[in-house]
Amino acid sequence: MFNKVTLQKLAELKTKKKALDAELKEVKEEINDAECAVLEMFGEEGLDQVKAGGYTFSVNRKLNGSVSGGVEGVQALIDAGMIECTTVGWQRTAAVIREFTKAELEDDPLLSMEQIKAKFEDENPKLKGLVRIYEDYGVSMRKAT
């Protein structure tokens, strides 16, 4: 026999979760809008870090990469000697490309992502046309010291 009190509690919790999910979605959108505005300010001012309100805000740059092409891409990774990228998954592929990108930027910080992609493809010709290298920017926040 079903316990109606337990069913009612479940209904209340699911309703509450739905409301909280909607609120979280709104907050995430507001955060995204605020981060875009802050990134624009960082760019305009030529800064990469600012202290305000007891926090330190800084630009957070994330480098990522991927190989497309489905079966062709998997075979290209194997042919390029990167079989671990096919068995571990896309995270390993992204890590390999990210490590290459970071090393290239240390040598020449003014390289564009397209220049880095061309260098990666020159070193890994079997992956030519299948590689995507990109960067995402965000704003990090931590308690100011």
N, C-alpha and C. Protein backbone atom coordinates (compact mmCIF):
# COMPACT_ATOMS: atom_id res chain seq x y z
N MET A 1 0.84 -1.18 0.00
CA MET A 1 0.00 0.00 0.00
C MET A 1 0.89 1.25 0.00
N PHE A 2 0.55 2.22 -0.83
CA PHE A 2 1.32 3.45 -0.94
C PHE A 2 1.06 4.36 0.25
N ASN A 3 2.12 4.97 0.71
CA ASN A 3 2.03 5.94 1.79
C ASN A 3 1.80 7.30 1.13
N LYS A 4 0.60 7.85 1.31
CA LYS A 4 0.26 9.12 0.66
C LYS A 4 1.11 10.27 1.16
N VAL A 5 1.55 10.22 2.39
CA VAL A 5 2.40 11.28 2.93
C VAL A 5 3.74 11.28 2.20
N THR A 6 4.30 10.09 1.95
CA THR A 6 5.57 9.98 1.24
C THR A 6 5.41 10.46 -0.21
N LEU A 7 4.31 10.10 -0.85
CA LEU A 7 4.06 10.55 -2.21
C LEU A 7 3.91 12.07 -2.27
N GLN A 8 3.23 12.63 -1.29
CA GLN A 8 3.06 14.09 -1.24
C GLN A 8 4.41 14.77 -1.05
N LYS A 9 5.24 14.21 -0.17
CA LYS A 9 6.57 14.76 0.07
C LYS A 9 7.39 14.72 -1.21
N LEU A 10 7.33 13.61 -1.94
CA LEU A 10 8.05 13.49 -3.22
C LEU A 10 7.55 14.54 -4.21
N ALA A 11 6.26 14.72 -4.29
CA ALA A 11 5.70 15.73 -5.19
C ALA A 11 6.19 17.13 -4.82
N GLU A 12 6.22 17.45 -3.52
CA GLU A 12 6.69 18.75 -3.06
C GLU A 12 8.17 18.95 -3.40
N LEU A 13 8.97 17.91 -3.17
CA LEU A 13 10.40 18.01 -3.45
C LEU A 13 10.67 18.20 -4.95
N LYS A 14 9.96 17.45 -5.79
CA LYS A 14 10.14 17.59 -7.23
C LYS A 14 9.70 18.98 -7.71
N THR A 15 8.61 19.50 -7.15
CA THR A 15 8.14 20.84 -7.50
C THR A 15 9.17 21.88 -7.06
N LYS A 16 9.70 21.72 -5.85
CA LYS A 16 10.72 22.63 -5.34
C LYS A 16 11.97 22.58 -6.22
N LYS A 17 12.39 21.38 -6.62
CA LYS A 17 13.57 21.22 -7.48
C LYS A 17 13.36 21.93 -8.81
N LYS A 18 12.18 21.79 -9.38
CA LYS A 18 11.88 22.42 -10.66
C LYS A 18 12.01 23.95 -10.53
N ALA A 19 11.50 24.50 -9.44
CA ALA A 19 11.57 25.94 -9.21
C ALA A 19 13.02 26.37 -9.01
N LEU A 20 13.79 25.60 -8.25
CA LEU A 20 15.19 25.93 -8.01
C LEU A 20 16.02 25.82 -9.30
N ASP A 21 15.73 24.82 -10.13
CA ASP A 21 16.42 24.68 -11.41
C ASP A 21 16.16 25.90 -12.29
N ALA A 22 14.91 26.39 -12.30
CA ALA A 22 14.57 27.57 -13.09
C ALA A 22 15.31 28.79 -12.55
N GLU A 23 15.37 28.92 -11.23
CA GLU A 23 16.08 30.05 -10.62
C GLU A 23 17.57 29.96 -10.92
N LEU A 24 18.14 28.76 -10.84
CA LEU A 24 19.56 28.56 -11.14
C LEU A 24 19.87 28.93 -12.58
N LYS A 25 18.99 28.58 -13.49
CA LYS A 25 19.18 28.92 -14.90
C LYS A 25 19.24 30.44 -15.06
N GLU A 26 18.34 31.15 -14.38
CA GLU A 26 18.34 32.62 -14.44
C GLU A 26 19.63 33.20 -13.87
N VAL A 27 20.09 32.67 -12.75
CA VAL A 27 21.32 33.16 -12.11
C VAL A 27 22.51 32.91 -13.03
N LYS A 28 22.57 31.74 -13.66
CA LYS A 28 23.67 31.44 -14.58
C LYS A 28 23.68 32.41 -15.76
N GLU A 29 22.50 32.76 -16.26
CA GLU A 29 22.41 33.73 -17.36
C GLU A 29 22.91 35.09 -16.91
N GLU A 30 22.55 35.49 -15.69
CA GLU A 30 23.00 36.78 -15.14
C GLU A 30 24.51 36.77 -14.95
N ILE A 31 25.05 35.67 -14.46
CA ILE A 31 26.51 35.54 -14.29
C ILE A 31 27.19 35.66 -15.64
N ASN A 32 26.67 34.99 -16.64
CA ASN A 32 27.25 35.05 -17.98
C ASN A 32 27.27 36.48 -18.51
N ASP A 33 26.15 37.19 -18.35
CA ASP A 33 26.08 38.59 -18.80
C ASP A 33 27.09 39.45 -18.05
N ALA A 34 27.20 39.26 -16.73
CA ALA A 34 28.14 40.04 -15.92
C ALA A 34 29.58 39.71 -16.31
N GLU A 35 29.88 38.43 -16.54
CA GLU A 35 31.24 38.05 -16.95
C GLU A 35 31.61 38.67 -18.28
N CYS A 36 30.67 38.71 -19.22
CA CYS A 36 30.94 39.34 -20.52
C CYS A 36 31.28 40.82 -20.33
N ALA A 37 30.52 41.50 -19.49
CA ALA A 37 30.77 42.91 -19.22
C ALA A 37 32.14 43.10 -18.55
N VAL A 38 32.48 42.24 -17.60
CA VAL A 38 33.76 42.35 -16.89
C VAL A 38 34.92 42.05 -17.85
N LEU A 39 34.78 41.04 -18.70
CA LEU A 39 35.83 40.74 -19.68
C LEU A 39 36.04 41.92 -20.62
N GLU A 40 34.96 42.56 -21.00
CA GLU A 40 35.07 43.74 -21.86
C GLU A 40 35.82 44.86 -21.13
N MET A 41 35.52 45.05 -19.84
CA MET A 41 36.23 46.07 -19.06
C MET A 41 37.71 45.74 -18.94
N PHE A 42 38.02 44.47 -18.68
CA PHE A 42 39.43 44.05 -18.61
C PHE A 42 40.14 44.41 -19.91
N GLY A 43 39.49 44.10 -21.04
CA GLY A 43 40.09 44.39 -22.34
C GLY A 43 40.29 45.88 -22.57
N GLU A 44 39.28 46.67 -22.23
CA GLU A 44 39.36 48.12 -22.43
C GLU A 44 40.45 48.74 -21.57
N GLU A 45 40.59 48.25 -20.34
CA GLU A 45 41.57 48.81 -19.41
C GLU A 45 42.95 48.19 -19.56
N GLY A 46 43.04 47.08 -20.28
CA GLY A 46 44.33 46.40 -20.45
C GLY A 46 44.81 45.71 -19.19
N LEU A 47 43.87 45.27 -18.36
CA LEU A 47 44.21 44.62 -17.10
C LEU A 47 43.87 43.14 -17.17
N ASP A 48 44.50 42.35 -16.30
CA ASP A 48 44.13 40.94 -16.22
C ASP A 48 43.72 40.56 -14.81
N GLN A 49 43.73 41.55 -13.88
CA GLN A 49 43.36 41.28 -12.49
C GLN A 49 42.93 42.57 -11.81
N VAL A 50 41.87 42.49 -10.99
CA VAL A 50 41.36 43.65 -10.26
C VAL A 50 40.86 43.18 -8.90
N LYS A 51 41.12 43.99 -7.86
CA LYS A 51 40.58 43.71 -6.53
C LYS A 51 39.40 44.64 -6.28
N ALA A 52 38.30 44.05 -5.80
CA ALA A 52 37.11 44.85 -5.49
C ALA A 52 36.23 44.07 -4.53
N GLY A 53 35.65 44.77 -3.56
CA GLY A 53 34.69 44.16 -2.65
C GLY A 53 35.23 42.97 -1.88
N GLY A 54 36.53 42.96 -1.60
CA GLY A 54 37.13 41.86 -0.85
C GLY A 54 37.48 40.64 -1.69
N TYR A 55 37.38 40.78 -3.02
CA TYR A 55 37.69 39.68 -3.93
C TYR A 55 38.70 40.12 -4.98
N THR A 56 39.42 39.16 -5.49
CA THR A 56 40.30 39.40 -6.63
C THR A 56 39.65 38.73 -7.83
N PHE A 57 39.42 39.51 -8.87
CA PHE A 57 38.85 39.02 -10.11
C PHE A 57 39.95 38.98 -11.16
N SER A 58 39.99 37.91 -11.92
CA SER A 58 41.01 37.81 -12.96
C SER A 58 40.46 37.10 -14.19
N VAL A 59 41.13 37.35 -15.31
CA VAL A 59 40.75 36.70 -16.56
C VAL A 59 41.22 35.25 -16.50
N ASN A 60 40.34 34.36 -16.85
CA ASN A 60 40.65 32.93 -16.86
C ASN A 60 40.57 32.46 -18.32
N ARG A 61 41.70 32.04 -18.85
CA ARG A 61 41.77 31.59 -20.24
C ARG A 61 41.88 30.07 -20.27
N LYS A 62 40.98 29.42 -20.96
CA LYS A 62 41.00 27.97 -21.07
C LYS A 62 41.28 27.59 -22.52
N LEU A 63 42.28 26.75 -22.71
CA LEU A 63 42.62 26.25 -24.04
C LEU A 63 42.03 24.87 -24.21
N ASN A 64 41.44 24.62 -25.36
CA ASN A 64 40.85 23.31 -25.63
C ASN A 64 41.07 22.93 -27.08
N GLY A 65 40.84 21.67 -27.34
CA GLY A 65 40.96 21.19 -28.70
C GLY A 65 40.21 19.90 -28.88
N SER A 66 39.96 19.58 -30.13
CA SER A 66 39.26 18.34 -30.44
C SER A 66 39.64 17.88 -31.84
N VAL A 67 39.33 16.63 -32.11
CA VAL A 67 39.53 16.05 -33.44
C VAL A 67 38.16 15.58 -33.90
N SER A 68 37.77 16.01 -35.09
CA SER A 68 36.47 15.62 -35.63
C SER A 68 36.64 14.50 -36.65
N GLY A 69 35.58 14.13 -37.28
CA GLY A 69 35.67 13.17 -38.37
C GLY A 69 35.19 11.78 -38.06
N GLY A 70 34.63 11.56 -36.88
CA GLY A 70 34.09 10.24 -36.55
C GLY A 70 35.12 9.14 -36.72
N VAL A 71 34.79 8.11 -37.49
CA VAL A 71 35.68 6.96 -37.70
C VAL A 71 36.97 7.42 -38.35
N GLU A 72 36.87 8.35 -39.29
CA GLU A 72 38.07 8.87 -39.97
C GLU A 72 38.99 9.56 -38.95
N GLY A 73 38.41 10.31 -38.03
CA GLY A 73 39.20 10.98 -36.99
C GLY A 73 39.88 9.99 -36.07
N VAL A 74 39.15 8.93 -35.68
CA VAL A 74 39.73 7.90 -34.82
C VAL A 74 40.89 7.23 -35.54
N GLN A 75 40.71 6.89 -36.80
CA GLN A 75 41.78 6.24 -37.56
C GLN A 75 42.98 7.18 -37.71
N ALA A 76 42.71 8.47 -37.91
CA ALA A 76 43.79 9.45 -38.04
C ALA A 76 44.59 9.54 -36.73
N LEU A 77 43.90 9.50 -35.58
CA LEU A 77 44.60 9.51 -34.29
C LEU A 77 45.48 8.27 -34.15
N ILE A 78 44.97 7.12 -34.53
CA ILE A 78 45.75 5.88 -34.47
C ILE A 78 46.96 5.99 -35.39
N ASP A 79 46.74 6.45 -36.63
CA ASP A 79 47.83 6.59 -37.60
C ASP A 79 48.88 7.59 -37.14
N ALA A 80 48.46 8.58 -36.36
CA ALA A 80 49.38 9.60 -35.85
C ALA A 80 50.09 9.14 -34.58
N GLY A 81 49.82 7.90 -34.15
CA GLY A 81 50.47 7.38 -32.95
C GLY A 81 49.84 7.84 -31.65
N MET A 82 48.60 8.27 -31.71
CA MET A 82 47.91 8.77 -30.53
C MET A 82 46.78 7.84 -30.13
N ILE A 83 47.07 6.56 -30.09
CA ILE A 83 46.03 5.57 -29.81
C ILE A 83 45.39 5.80 -28.44
N GLU A 84 46.17 6.36 -27.48
CA GLU A 84 45.60 6.61 -26.15
C GLU A 84 44.43 7.58 -26.22
N CYS A 85 44.42 8.43 -27.24
CA CYS A 85 43.32 9.37 -27.41
C CYS A 85 42.04 8.67 -27.85
N THR A 86 42.16 7.48 -28.40
CA THR A 86 40.97 6.74 -28.84
C THR A 86 40.43 5.83 -27.75
N THR A 87 41.29 5.44 -26.81
CA THR A 87 40.84 4.52 -25.76
C THR A 87 40.43 5.26 -24.49
N VAL A 88 41.06 6.39 -24.21
CA VAL A 88 40.74 7.15 -23.00
C VAL A 88 39.56 8.08 -23.25
N GLY A 89 39.44 8.56 -24.47
CA GLY A 89 38.32 9.43 -24.80
C GLY A 89 38.75 10.81 -25.19
N TRP A 90 37.75 11.64 -25.44
CA TRP A 90 38.01 12.98 -25.95
C TRP A 90 38.80 13.85 -24.98
N GLN A 91 38.71 13.55 -23.66
CA GLN A 91 39.45 14.35 -22.69
C GLN A 91 40.96 14.26 -22.96
N ARG A 92 41.43 13.07 -23.31
CA ARG A 92 42.86 12.89 -23.59
C ARG A 92 43.25 13.64 -24.86
N THR A 93 42.40 13.59 -25.87
CA THR A 93 42.68 14.34 -27.10
C THR A 93 42.77 15.83 -26.79
N ALA A 94 41.81 16.35 -26.03
CA ALA A 94 41.83 17.76 -25.65
C ALA A 94 43.09 18.09 -24.86
N ALA A 95 43.51 17.19 -23.97
CA ALA A 95 44.71 17.43 -23.16
C ALA A 95 45.96 17.48 -24.03
N VAL A 96 46.07 16.57 -25.00
CA VAL A 96 47.23 16.55 -25.90
C VAL A 96 47.31 17.87 -26.67
N ILE A 97 46.18 18.29 -27.22
CA ILE A 97 46.15 19.54 -27.99
C ILE A 97 46.42 20.73 -27.07
N ARG A 98 45.85 20.72 -25.86
CA ARG A 98 46.06 21.81 -24.90
C ARG A 98 47.54 21.92 -24.51
N GLU A 99 48.20 20.77 -24.24
CA GLU A 99 49.62 20.78 -23.88
C GLU A 99 50.46 21.34 -25.03
N PHE A 100 50.16 20.93 -26.25
CA PHE A 100 50.87 21.44 -27.42
C PHE A 100 50.67 22.95 -27.53
N THR A 101 49.43 23.40 -27.37
CA THR A 101 49.11 24.82 -27.49
C THR A 101 49.84 25.65 -26.44
N LYS A 102 49.84 25.17 -25.19
CA LYS A 102 50.53 25.90 -24.12
C LYS A 102 52.02 26.01 -24.41
N ALA A 103 52.63 24.93 -24.87
CA ALA A 103 54.06 24.95 -25.19
C ALA A 103 54.35 25.95 -26.31
N GLU A 104 53.51 25.97 -27.32
CA GLU A 104 53.70 26.91 -28.44
C GLU A 104 53.55 28.36 -27.97
N LEU A 105 52.57 28.61 -27.10
CA LEU A 105 52.36 29.97 -26.61
C LEU A 105 53.48 30.42 -25.68
N GLU A 106 54.11 29.48 -24.97
CA GLU A 106 55.27 29.85 -24.16
C GLU A 106 56.41 30.33 -25.05
N ASP A 107 56.58 29.65 -26.19
CA ASP A 107 57.63 30.05 -27.14
C ASP A 107 57.30 31.37 -27.82
N ASP A 108 56.04 31.57 -28.17
CA ASP A 108 55.62 32.78 -28.87
C ASP A 108 54.20 33.13 -28.45
N PRO A 109 54.05 33.99 -27.42
CA PRO A 109 52.72 34.31 -26.89
C PRO A 109 51.79 35.03 -27.87
N LEU A 110 52.31 35.50 -28.99
CA LEU A 110 51.48 36.24 -29.94
C LEU A 110 50.91 35.36 -31.05
N LEU A 111 51.18 34.05 -31.00
CA LEU A 111 50.63 33.15 -32.02
C LEU A 111 49.11 33.10 -31.93
N SER A 112 48.46 33.08 -33.08
CA SER A 112 47.01 32.92 -33.11
C SER A 112 46.68 31.44 -33.01
N MET A 113 45.42 31.14 -32.72
CA MET A 113 44.99 29.75 -32.66
C MET A 113 45.14 29.08 -34.02
N GLU A 114 44.93 29.83 -35.10
CA GLU A 114 45.09 29.28 -36.44
C GLU A 114 46.56 28.91 -36.72
N GLN A 115 47.48 29.75 -36.25
CA GLN A 115 48.91 29.44 -36.42
C GLN A 115 49.30 28.20 -35.62
N ILE A 116 48.77 28.10 -34.42
CA ILE A 116 49.06 26.93 -33.58
C ILE A 116 48.48 25.68 -34.22
N LYS A 117 47.26 25.79 -34.75
CA LYS A 117 46.62 24.66 -35.42
C LYS A 117 47.47 24.20 -36.61
N ALA A 118 47.97 25.14 -37.39
CA ALA A 118 48.81 24.80 -38.54
C ALA A 118 50.08 24.09 -38.09
N LYS A 119 50.70 24.56 -37.01
CA LYS A 119 51.90 23.89 -36.49
C LYS A 119 51.58 22.48 -36.01
N PHE A 120 50.44 22.33 -35.32
CA PHE A 120 50.04 21.01 -34.82
C PHE A 120 49.83 20.05 -36.00
N GLU A 121 49.15 20.55 -37.02
CA GLU A 121 48.90 19.71 -38.20
C GLU A 121 50.18 19.41 -38.97
N ASP A 122 51.14 20.35 -38.95
CA ASP A 122 52.44 20.08 -39.59
C ASP A 122 53.16 18.95 -38.87
N GLU A 123 53.06 18.94 -37.55
CA GLU A 123 53.71 17.88 -36.76
C GLU A 123 52.90 16.58 -36.79
N ASN A 124 51.62 16.68 -37.08
CA ASN A 124 50.73 15.51 -37.12
C ASN A 124 49.93 15.55 -38.42
N PRO A 125 50.58 15.34 -39.56
CA PRO A 125 49.91 15.50 -40.85
C PRO A 125 48.69 14.60 -41.06
N LYS A 126 48.62 13.48 -40.37
CA LYS A 126 47.47 12.59 -40.52
C LYS A 126 46.19 13.22 -39.97
N LEU A 127 46.36 14.26 -39.15
CA LEU A 127 45.20 14.93 -38.54
C LEU A 127 44.82 16.21 -39.26
N LYS A 128 45.48 16.50 -40.38
CA LYS A 128 45.22 17.74 -41.13
C LYS A 128 43.73 17.84 -41.49
N GLY A 129 43.15 18.97 -41.16
CA GLY A 129 41.76 19.23 -41.45
C GLY A 129 40.78 18.67 -40.43
N LEU A 130 41.27 17.93 -39.44
CA LEU A 130 40.39 17.32 -38.44
C LEU A 130 40.51 17.98 -37.06
N VAL A 131 41.49 18.87 -36.91
CA VAL A 131 41.79 19.45 -35.60
C VAL A 131 41.07 20.78 -35.42
N ARG A 132 40.56 20.96 -34.21
CA ARG A 132 39.96 22.24 -33.82
C ARG A 132 40.63 22.68 -32.53
N ILE A 133 41.20 23.87 -32.52
CA ILE A 133 41.83 24.43 -31.32
C ILE A 133 41.11 25.74 -31.03
N TYR A 134 40.71 25.91 -29.78
CA TYR A 134 39.98 27.12 -29.43
C TYR A 134 40.27 27.51 -27.98
N GLU A 135 39.93 28.75 -27.67
CA GLU A 135 40.12 29.26 -26.33
C GLU A 135 38.82 29.86 -25.82
N ASP A 136 38.57 29.67 -24.55
CA ASP A 136 37.41 30.24 -23.89
C ASP A 136 37.92 31.15 -22.77
N TYR A 137 37.24 32.24 -22.58
CA TYR A 137 37.60 33.16 -21.51
C TYR A 137 36.48 33.24 -20.49
N GLY A 138 36.85 33.39 -19.25
CA GLY A 138 35.91 33.55 -18.16
C GLY A 138 36.53 34.45 -17.11
N VAL A 139 35.82 34.64 -16.03
CA VAL A 139 36.31 35.47 -14.93
C VAL A 139 36.40 34.60 -13.68
N SER A 140 37.60 34.55 -13.11
CA SER A 140 37.81 33.82 -11.85
C SER A 140 37.66 34.80 -10.70
N MET A 141 37.19 34.30 -9.58
CA MET A 141 37.01 35.13 -8.40
C MET A 141 37.51 34.38 -7.18
N ARG A 142 38.31 35.06 -6.36
CA ARG A 142 38.76 34.45 -5.11
C ARG A 142 38.84 35.53 -4.05
N LYS A 143 38.83 35.12 -2.79
CA LYS A 143 38.96 36.07 -1.70
C LYS A 143 40.27 36.81 -1.83
N ALA A 144 40.24 38.13 -1.70
CA ALA A 144 41.46 38.93 -1.79
C ALA A 144 42.32 38.72 -0.55
N THR A 145 43.61 38.74 -0.76
CA THR A 145 44.53 38.57 0.38
C THR A 145 45.19 39.86 0.74
